[in-house]
């Protein structure tokens, strides 16, 4: 499945156009390699996504063409979530 479609179906990113923009800006990696929106993902792949001030690392558990809201979170496991911030405390 394409990366941008997976991100939308799994509801990690709400809209496919936003998923495409984020990946085309080089803010998504699959197994440590920079990924484009058209990159293929499969179960077992590890995604690292930089969204705003957060960095999320998730493992893909399964691929589905469609999912209901309740099922979407079962498609992946969050391995790590970091808050990225400036070093300025003020």
N, C-alpha and C. Protein backbone atom coordinates (compact mmCIF):
# COMPACT_ATOMS: atom_id res chain seq x y z
N UNK A 1 0.84 -1.18 0.00
CA UNK A 1 0.00 0.00 0.00
C UNK A 1 0.89 1.24 0.00
N UNK A 2 0.43 2.28 -0.67
CA UNK A 2 1.17 3.54 -0.69
C UNK A 2 1.22 4.15 0.72
N UNK A 3 2.31 4.81 1.02
CA UNK A 3 2.49 5.45 2.33
C UNK A 3 1.39 6.45 2.63
N UNK A 4 1.08 7.34 1.69
CA UNK A 4 0.07 8.37 1.97
C UNK A 4 -1.30 7.75 2.23
N UNK A 5 -1.64 6.68 1.52
CA UNK A 5 -2.93 6.02 1.75
C UNK A 5 -2.96 5.34 3.12
N UNK A 6 -1.85 4.67 3.49
CA UNK A 6 -1.79 4.02 4.81
C UNK A 6 -1.99 5.04 5.93
N UNK A 7 -1.31 6.18 5.83
CA UNK A 7 -1.42 7.20 6.87
C UNK A 7 -2.85 7.71 7.02
N UNK A 8 -3.57 7.82 5.91
CA UNK A 8 -4.97 8.25 5.95
C UNK A 8 -5.88 7.16 6.51
N UNK A 9 -5.76 5.94 5.98
CA UNK A 9 -6.63 4.83 6.41
C UNK A 9 -6.42 4.53 7.89
N UNK A 10 -5.18 4.59 8.35
CA UNK A 10 -4.88 4.31 9.76
C UNK A 10 -5.20 5.51 10.66
N UNK A 11 -5.49 6.64 10.04
CA UNK A 11 -5.82 7.88 10.75
C UNK A 11 -4.66 8.45 11.57
N UNK A 12 -3.44 8.10 11.20
CA UNK A 12 -2.27 8.75 11.81
C UNK A 12 -2.27 10.21 11.34
N UNK A 13 -2.55 10.41 10.05
CA UNK A 13 -2.73 11.75 9.49
C UNK A 13 -4.12 11.74 8.86
N UNK A 14 -4.92 12.75 9.16
CA UNK A 14 -6.34 12.73 8.80
C UNK A 14 -6.63 12.80 7.29
N UNK A 15 -5.82 13.56 6.54
CA UNK A 15 -6.10 13.73 5.11
C UNK A 15 -4.94 13.24 4.27
N UNK A 16 -5.26 12.62 3.16
CA UNK A 16 -4.22 12.07 2.28
C UNK A 16 -3.36 13.18 1.68
N UNK A 17 -3.96 14.33 1.37
CA UNK A 17 -3.17 15.43 0.81
C UNK A 17 -2.14 15.93 1.82
N UNK A 18 -2.51 15.97 3.09
CA UNK A 18 -1.57 16.38 4.14
C UNK A 18 -0.47 15.32 4.28
N UNK A 19 -0.84 14.05 4.22
CA UNK A 19 0.15 12.96 4.30
C UNK A 19 1.15 13.08 3.15
N UNK A 20 0.67 13.43 1.97
CA UNK A 20 1.54 13.60 0.80
C UNK A 20 2.49 14.77 1.01
N UNK A 21 1.96 15.89 1.50
CA UNK A 21 2.81 17.07 1.75
C UNK A 21 3.91 16.76 2.76
N UNK A 22 3.54 16.12 3.87
CA UNK A 22 4.50 15.81 4.93
C UNK A 22 5.61 14.89 4.40
N UNK A 23 5.23 13.87 3.64
CA UNK A 23 6.24 12.94 3.12
C UNK A 23 7.11 13.61 2.06
N UNK A 24 6.53 14.44 1.21
CA UNK A 24 7.31 15.12 0.18
C UNK A 24 8.27 16.15 0.76
N UNK A 25 8.03 16.58 2.00
CA UNK A 25 8.94 17.51 2.68
C UNK A 25 10.07 16.76 3.39
N UNK A 26 10.10 15.43 3.28
CA UNK A 26 11.17 14.64 3.87
C UNK A 26 11.01 14.43 5.36
N UNK A 27 9.79 14.50 5.88
CA UNK A 27 9.57 14.37 7.33
C UNK A 27 9.10 12.98 7.73
N UNK A 28 9.13 12.02 6.81
CA UNK A 28 8.74 10.65 7.13
C UNK A 28 9.84 9.70 6.66
N UNK A 29 10.15 8.74 7.53
CA UNK A 29 11.13 7.70 7.18
C UNK A 29 10.47 6.34 7.35
N UNK A 30 10.83 5.42 6.46
CA UNK A 30 10.41 4.03 6.58
C UNK A 30 11.67 3.22 6.83
N UNK A 31 11.74 2.54 7.96
CA UNK A 31 12.91 1.75 8.33
C UNK A 31 14.21 2.55 8.21
N UNK A 32 14.17 3.81 8.62
CA UNK A 32 15.36 4.65 8.64
C UNK A 32 15.71 5.33 7.34
N UNK A 33 14.92 5.13 6.28
CA UNK A 33 15.20 5.75 4.98
C UNK A 33 14.09 6.73 4.65
N UNK A 34 14.48 7.90 4.13
CA UNK A 34 13.49 8.91 3.77
C UNK A 34 12.49 8.35 2.77
N UNK A 35 11.22 8.68 2.96
CA UNK A 35 10.16 8.11 2.13
C UNK A 35 9.35 9.17 1.42
N UNK A 36 8.90 8.85 0.23
CA UNK A 36 7.99 9.69 -0.54
C UNK A 36 6.57 9.17 -0.33
N UNK A 37 5.58 9.95 -0.75
CA UNK A 37 4.17 9.57 -0.60
C UNK A 37 3.87 8.27 -1.34
N UNK A 38 4.57 8.03 -2.43
CA UNK A 38 4.31 6.83 -3.24
C UNK A 38 5.07 5.60 -2.76
N UNK A 39 5.88 5.73 -1.71
CA UNK A 39 6.63 4.58 -1.19
C UNK A 39 5.65 3.50 -0.72
N UNK A 40 6.05 2.25 -0.90
CA UNK A 40 5.21 1.12 -0.49
C UNK A 40 5.53 0.74 0.95
N UNK A 41 4.47 0.54 1.74
CA UNK A 41 4.64 0.08 3.12
C UNK A 41 4.01 -1.30 3.27
N UNK A 42 4.54 -2.06 4.23
CA UNK A 42 4.01 -3.40 4.50
C UNK A 42 4.06 -3.64 6.01
N UNK A 43 3.36 -4.66 6.45
CA UNK A 43 3.36 -5.00 7.87
C UNK A 43 4.79 -5.26 8.33
N UNK A 44 5.14 -4.74 9.49
CA UNK A 44 6.48 -4.90 10.03
C UNK A 44 7.37 -3.68 9.81
N UNK A 45 7.00 -2.82 8.87
CA UNK A 45 7.79 -1.60 8.64
C UNK A 45 7.68 -0.66 9.83
N UNK A 46 8.74 0.11 10.04
CA UNK A 46 8.76 1.09 11.13
C UNK A 46 8.76 2.49 10.52
N UNK A 47 7.79 3.30 10.91
CA UNK A 47 7.67 4.67 10.40
C UNK A 47 8.13 5.66 11.46
N UNK A 48 8.87 6.67 11.03
CA UNK A 48 9.22 7.79 11.90
C UNK A 48 8.65 9.03 11.23
N UNK A 49 7.78 9.73 11.95
CA UNK A 49 7.06 10.86 11.38
C UNK A 49 7.28 12.09 12.25
N UNK A 50 7.69 13.19 11.63
CA UNK A 50 7.81 14.47 12.34
C UNK A 50 6.61 15.33 11.98
N UNK A 51 5.75 15.56 12.96
CA UNK A 51 4.55 16.38 12.78
C UNK A 51 4.59 17.52 13.78
N UNK A 52 4.74 18.70 13.30
CA UNK A 52 4.79 19.85 14.21
C UNK A 52 5.91 19.70 15.21
N UNK A 53 5.58 19.72 16.49
CA UNK A 53 6.58 19.60 17.55
C UNK A 53 6.68 18.17 18.08
N UNK A 54 6.17 17.20 17.32
CA UNK A 54 6.22 15.81 17.77
C UNK A 54 6.97 14.94 16.77
N UNK A 55 7.59 13.91 17.30
CA UNK A 55 8.24 12.89 16.46
C UNK A 55 7.67 11.55 16.92
N UNK A 56 6.98 10.88 16.02
CA UNK A 56 6.31 9.62 16.34
C UNK A 56 7.00 8.47 15.61
N UNK A 57 7.29 7.41 16.35
CA UNK A 57 7.81 6.19 15.75
C UNK A 57 6.76 5.12 15.94
N UNK A 58 6.33 4.51 14.83
CA UNK A 58 5.26 3.51 14.88
C UNK A 58 5.63 2.31 14.02
N UNK A 59 5.17 1.13 14.44
CA UNK A 59 5.36 -0.10 13.66
C UNK A 59 4.02 -0.44 13.01
N UNK A 60 4.05 -0.78 11.73
CA UNK A 60 2.84 -1.17 11.03
C UNK A 60 2.55 -2.63 11.38
N UNK A 61 1.36 -2.88 11.94
CA UNK A 61 0.97 -4.23 12.33
C UNK A 61 0.19 -4.95 11.24
N UNK A 62 -0.64 -4.19 10.52
CA UNK A 62 -1.38 -4.80 9.41
C UNK A 62 -1.82 -3.73 8.43
N UNK A 63 -2.10 -4.20 7.22
CA UNK A 63 -2.52 -3.32 6.13
C UNK A 63 -3.98 -3.64 5.80
N UNK A 64 -4.80 -2.62 5.71
CA UNK A 64 -6.21 -2.77 5.31
C UNK A 64 -6.52 -1.67 4.31
N UNK A 65 -7.34 -1.97 3.32
CA UNK A 65 -7.72 -0.97 2.33
C UNK A 65 -8.62 0.11 2.92
N UNK A 66 -9.49 -0.28 3.84
CA UNK A 66 -10.38 0.65 4.52
C UNK A 66 -10.45 0.26 5.99
N UNK A 67 -10.86 1.19 6.83
CA UNK A 67 -11.03 0.85 8.24
C UNK A 67 -12.03 1.79 8.88
N UNK A 68 -12.74 1.27 9.85
CA UNK A 68 -13.61 2.11 10.65
C UNK A 68 -12.75 2.80 11.71
N UNK A 69 -13.27 3.85 12.29
CA UNK A 69 -12.52 4.62 13.27
C UNK A 69 -12.01 3.74 14.41
N UNK A 70 -12.84 2.80 14.85
CA UNK A 70 -12.46 1.92 15.96
C UNK A 70 -11.34 0.95 15.58
N UNK A 71 -11.26 0.59 14.31
CA UNK A 71 -10.25 -0.38 13.85
C UNK A 71 -8.92 0.28 13.49
N UNK A 72 -8.93 1.56 13.21
CA UNK A 72 -7.75 2.25 12.68
C UNK A 72 -6.53 2.10 13.59
N UNK A 73 -6.71 2.23 14.89
CA UNK A 73 -5.58 2.16 15.82
C UNK A 73 -4.97 0.76 15.91
N UNK A 74 -5.70 -0.25 15.44
CA UNK A 74 -5.17 -1.62 15.45
C UNK A 74 -4.21 -1.89 14.29
N UNK A 75 -4.10 -0.94 13.37
CA UNK A 75 -3.23 -1.11 12.21
C UNK A 75 -1.77 -0.82 12.53
N UNK A 76 -1.50 -0.19 13.67
CA UNK A 76 -0.13 0.20 14.01
C UNK A 76 0.05 0.20 15.52
N UNK A 77 1.32 0.19 15.94
CA UNK A 77 1.67 0.31 17.36
C UNK A 77 2.64 1.47 17.50
N UNK A 78 2.33 2.40 18.40
CA UNK A 78 3.24 3.51 18.67
C UNK A 78 4.38 2.97 19.53
N UNK A 79 5.60 3.07 19.01
CA UNK A 79 6.77 2.59 19.74
C UNK A 79 7.37 3.70 20.60
N UNK A 80 7.34 4.93 20.07
CA UNK A 80 7.95 6.05 20.79
C UNK A 80 7.30 7.34 20.31
N UNK A 81 7.10 8.25 21.23
CA UNK A 81 6.58 9.58 20.87
C UNK A 81 7.39 10.61 21.63
N UNK A 82 8.05 11.48 20.87
CA UNK A 82 8.91 12.49 21.48
C UNK A 82 8.36 13.87 21.19
N UNK A 83 8.58 14.76 22.12
CA UNK A 83 8.20 16.15 21.90
C UNK A 83 9.47 16.89 21.48
N UNK A 84 9.43 17.51 20.31
CA UNK A 84 10.55 18.29 19.82
C UNK A 84 10.28 19.74 20.19
N UNK A 85 11.26 20.38 20.74
CA UNK A 85 11.04 21.78 21.12
C UNK A 85 12.31 22.56 21.00
N UNK A 86 12.17 23.84 21.14
CA UNK A 86 13.36 24.69 21.11
C UNK A 86 14.08 24.56 22.47
N UNK A 87 15.34 24.87 22.45
CA UNK A 87 16.11 24.80 23.70
C UNK A 87 15.85 26.01 24.58
N UNK A 88 15.15 27.01 24.03
CA UNK A 88 14.82 28.22 24.77
C UNK A 88 13.63 27.94 25.69
N UNK A 89 13.80 28.05 27.02
CA UNK A 89 12.71 27.72 27.94
C UNK A 89 11.62 28.79 28.00
N UNK A 90 11.83 29.96 27.37
CA UNK A 90 10.86 31.04 27.46
C UNK A 90 10.14 31.24 26.17
